[in-house]
C-alpha atoms as a PDB file:
ATOM      1  CA  UNK A   1     -91.915 122.578 -32.138  1.00  0.00           C
ATOM      2  CA  UNK A   2     -94.378 124.303 -34.425  1.00  0.00           C
ATOM      3  CA  UNK A   3     -95.975 127.484 -33.113  1.00  0.00           C
ATOM      4  CA  UNK A   4     -99.691 127.498 -32.350  1.00  0.00           C
ATOM      5  CA  UNK A   5    -101.642 129.493 -34.922  1.00  0.00           C
ATOM      6  CA  UNK A   6    -103.927 131.334 -32.519  1.00  0.00           C
ATOM      7  CA  UNK A   7    -105.875 133.381 -35.067  1.00  0.00           C
ATOM      8  CA  UNK A   8    -106.429 130.408 -37.390  1.00  0.00           C
ATOM      9  CA  UNK A   9    -107.498 128.211 -34.458  1.00  0.00           C
ATOM     10  CA  UNK A  10    -109.857 130.881 -33.150  1.00  0.00           C
ATOM     11  CA  UNK A  11    -111.616 131.105 -36.539  1.00  0.00           C
ATOM     12  CA  UNK A  12    -112.311 127.362 -36.512  1.00  0.00           C
ATOM     13  CA  UNK A  13    -113.207 127.029 -32.813  1.00  0.00           C
ATOM     14  CA  UNK A  14    -116.886 126.215 -32.319  1.00  0.00           C
ATOM     15  CA  UNK A  15    -116.836 126.854 -28.571  1.00  0.00           C
ATOM     16  CA  UNK A  16    -119.566 129.293 -27.513  1.00  0.00           C
ATOM     17  CA  UNK A  17    -118.386 129.596 -23.902  1.00  0.00           C
ATOM     18  CA  UNK A  18    -116.619 132.914 -23.198  1.00  0.00           C
ATOM     19  CA  UNK A  19    -113.145 131.680 -22.314  1.00  0.00           C
ATOM     20  CA  UNK A  20    -109.554 132.932 -22.325  1.00  0.00           C
ATOM     21  CA  UNK A  21    -108.381 129.648 -23.891  1.00  0.00           C
ATOM     22  CA  UNK A  22    -110.335 130.076 -27.154  1.00  0.00           C
ATOM     23  CA  UNK A  23    -107.908 129.461 -30.022  1.00  0.00           C
ATOM     24  CA  UNK A  24    -105.171 128.181 -27.704  1.00  0.00           C
ATOM     25  CA  UNK A  25    -105.878 124.512 -28.285  1.00  0.00           C
ATOM     26  CA  UNK A  26    -103.092 123.103 -26.111  1.00  0.00           C
ATOM     27  CA  UNK A  27    -104.416 124.998 -23.058  1.00  0.00           C
ATOM     28  CA  UNK A  28    -108.018 124.083 -23.859  1.00  0.00           C
ATOM     29  CA  UNK A  29    -107.239 120.385 -24.188  1.00  0.00           C
ATOM     30  CA  UNK A  30    -105.203 120.399 -20.979  1.00  0.00           C
ATOM     31  CA  UNK A  31    -108.023 122.170 -19.089  1.00  0.00           C
ATOM     32  CA  UNK A  32    -110.731 119.753 -20.231  1.00  0.00           C
ATOM     33  CA  UNK A  33    -108.531 116.677 -19.834  1.00  0.00           C
ATOM     34  CA  UNK A  34    -107.890 117.525 -16.171  1.00  0.00           C
ATOM     35  CA  UNK A  35    -111.666 117.752 -15.692  1.00  0.00           C
ATOM     36  CA  UNK A  36    -112.402 114.439 -17.451  1.00  0.00           C
ATOM     37  CA  UNK A  37    -114.018 116.274 -20.361  1.00  0.00           C
ATOM     38  CA  UNK A  38    -113.623 116.741 -24.103  1.00  0.00           C
ATOM     39  CA  UNK A  39    -113.144 120.167 -25.705  1.00  0.00           C
ATOM     40  CA  UNK A  40    -115.994 121.778 -27.668  1.00  0.00           C
ATOM     41  CA  UNK A  41    -114.446 120.914 -31.045  1.00  0.00           C
ATOM     42  CA  UNK A  42    -115.264 117.233 -30.448  1.00  0.00           C
ATOM     43  CA  UNK A  43    -118.995 117.977 -30.399  1.00  0.00           C
ATOM     44  CA  UNK A  44    -121.463 119.021 -33.084  1.00  0.00           C
ATOM     45  CA  UNK A  45    -122.619 122.630 -32.669  1.00  0.00           C
ATOM     46  CA  UNK A  46    -126.067 121.762 -31.315  1.00  0.00           C
ATOM     47  CA  UNK A  47    -124.541 119.603 -28.569  1.00  0.00           C
ATOM     48  CA  UNK A  48    -121.682 122.016 -27.828  1.00  0.00           C
ATOM     49  CA  UNK A  49    -124.252 124.667 -26.898  1.00  0.00           C
ATOM     50  CA  UNK A  50    -125.375 122.524 -23.943  1.00  0.00           C
ATOM     51  CA  UNK A  51    -121.868 122.759 -22.388  1.00  0.00           C
ATOM     52  CA  UNK A  52    -122.029 119.049 -21.510  1.00  0.00           C
ATOM     53  CA  UNK A  53    -118.426 118.193 -22.379  1.00  0.00           C
ATOM     54  CA  UNK A  54    -118.394 114.885 -20.536  1.00  0.00           C
ATOM     55  CA  UNK A  55    -116.735 111.868 -22.086  1.00  0.00           C
ATOM     56  CA  UNK A  56    -119.973 109.973 -21.541  1.00  0.00           C
ATOM     57  CA  UNK A  57    -121.864 112.540 -23.622  1.00  0.00           C
ATOM     58  CA  UNK A  58    -119.229 112.346 -26.367  1.00  0.00           C
ATOM     59  CA  UNK A  59    -119.580 108.549 -26.518  1.00  0.00           C
ATOM     60  CA  UNK A  60    -123.380 108.804 -26.567  1.00  0.00           C
ATOM     61  CA  UNK A  61    -123.418 111.338 -29.425  1.00  0.00           C
ATOM     62  CA  UNK A  62    -120.710 109.464 -31.331  1.00  0.00           C
ATOM     63  CA  UNK A  63    -122.728 106.236 -31.077  1.00  0.00           C
ATOM     64  CA  UNK A  64    -125.937 108.003 -32.148  1.00  0.00           C
ATOM     65  CA  UNK A  65    -124.505 110.036 -35.022  1.00  0.00           C
ATOM     66  CA  UNK A  66    -121.353 108.192 -36.011  1.00  0.00           C
ATOM     67  CA  UNK A  67    -118.042 109.824 -36.804  1.00  0.00           C
ATOM     68  CA  UNK A  68    -119.402 111.853 -39.745  1.00  0.00           C
ATOM     69  CA  UNK A  69    -120.139 114.906 -37.614  1.00  0.00           C
ATOM     70  CA  UNK A  70    -116.436 115.195 -36.760  1.00  0.00           C
ATOM     71  CA  UNK A  71    -115.614 116.071 -40.361  1.00  0.00           C
ATOM     72  CA  UNK A  72    -117.096 119.601 -40.186  1.00  0.00           C
END
């Protein structure tokens, strides 16, 4: 199994919430999945700042903006 590149992940992470999981993607994904949410990296920066990580919000933004915002 390939090691997680914490420092590289942390540089790319757009999450603005102060959290111990920043840069540890596997823990972040597990945390949000258990809560029925998506991690910050699935949202454009302006939406991420609202901390609404719900799947419903992801679908709404995806439908409004298309998949282009995911290519940041």
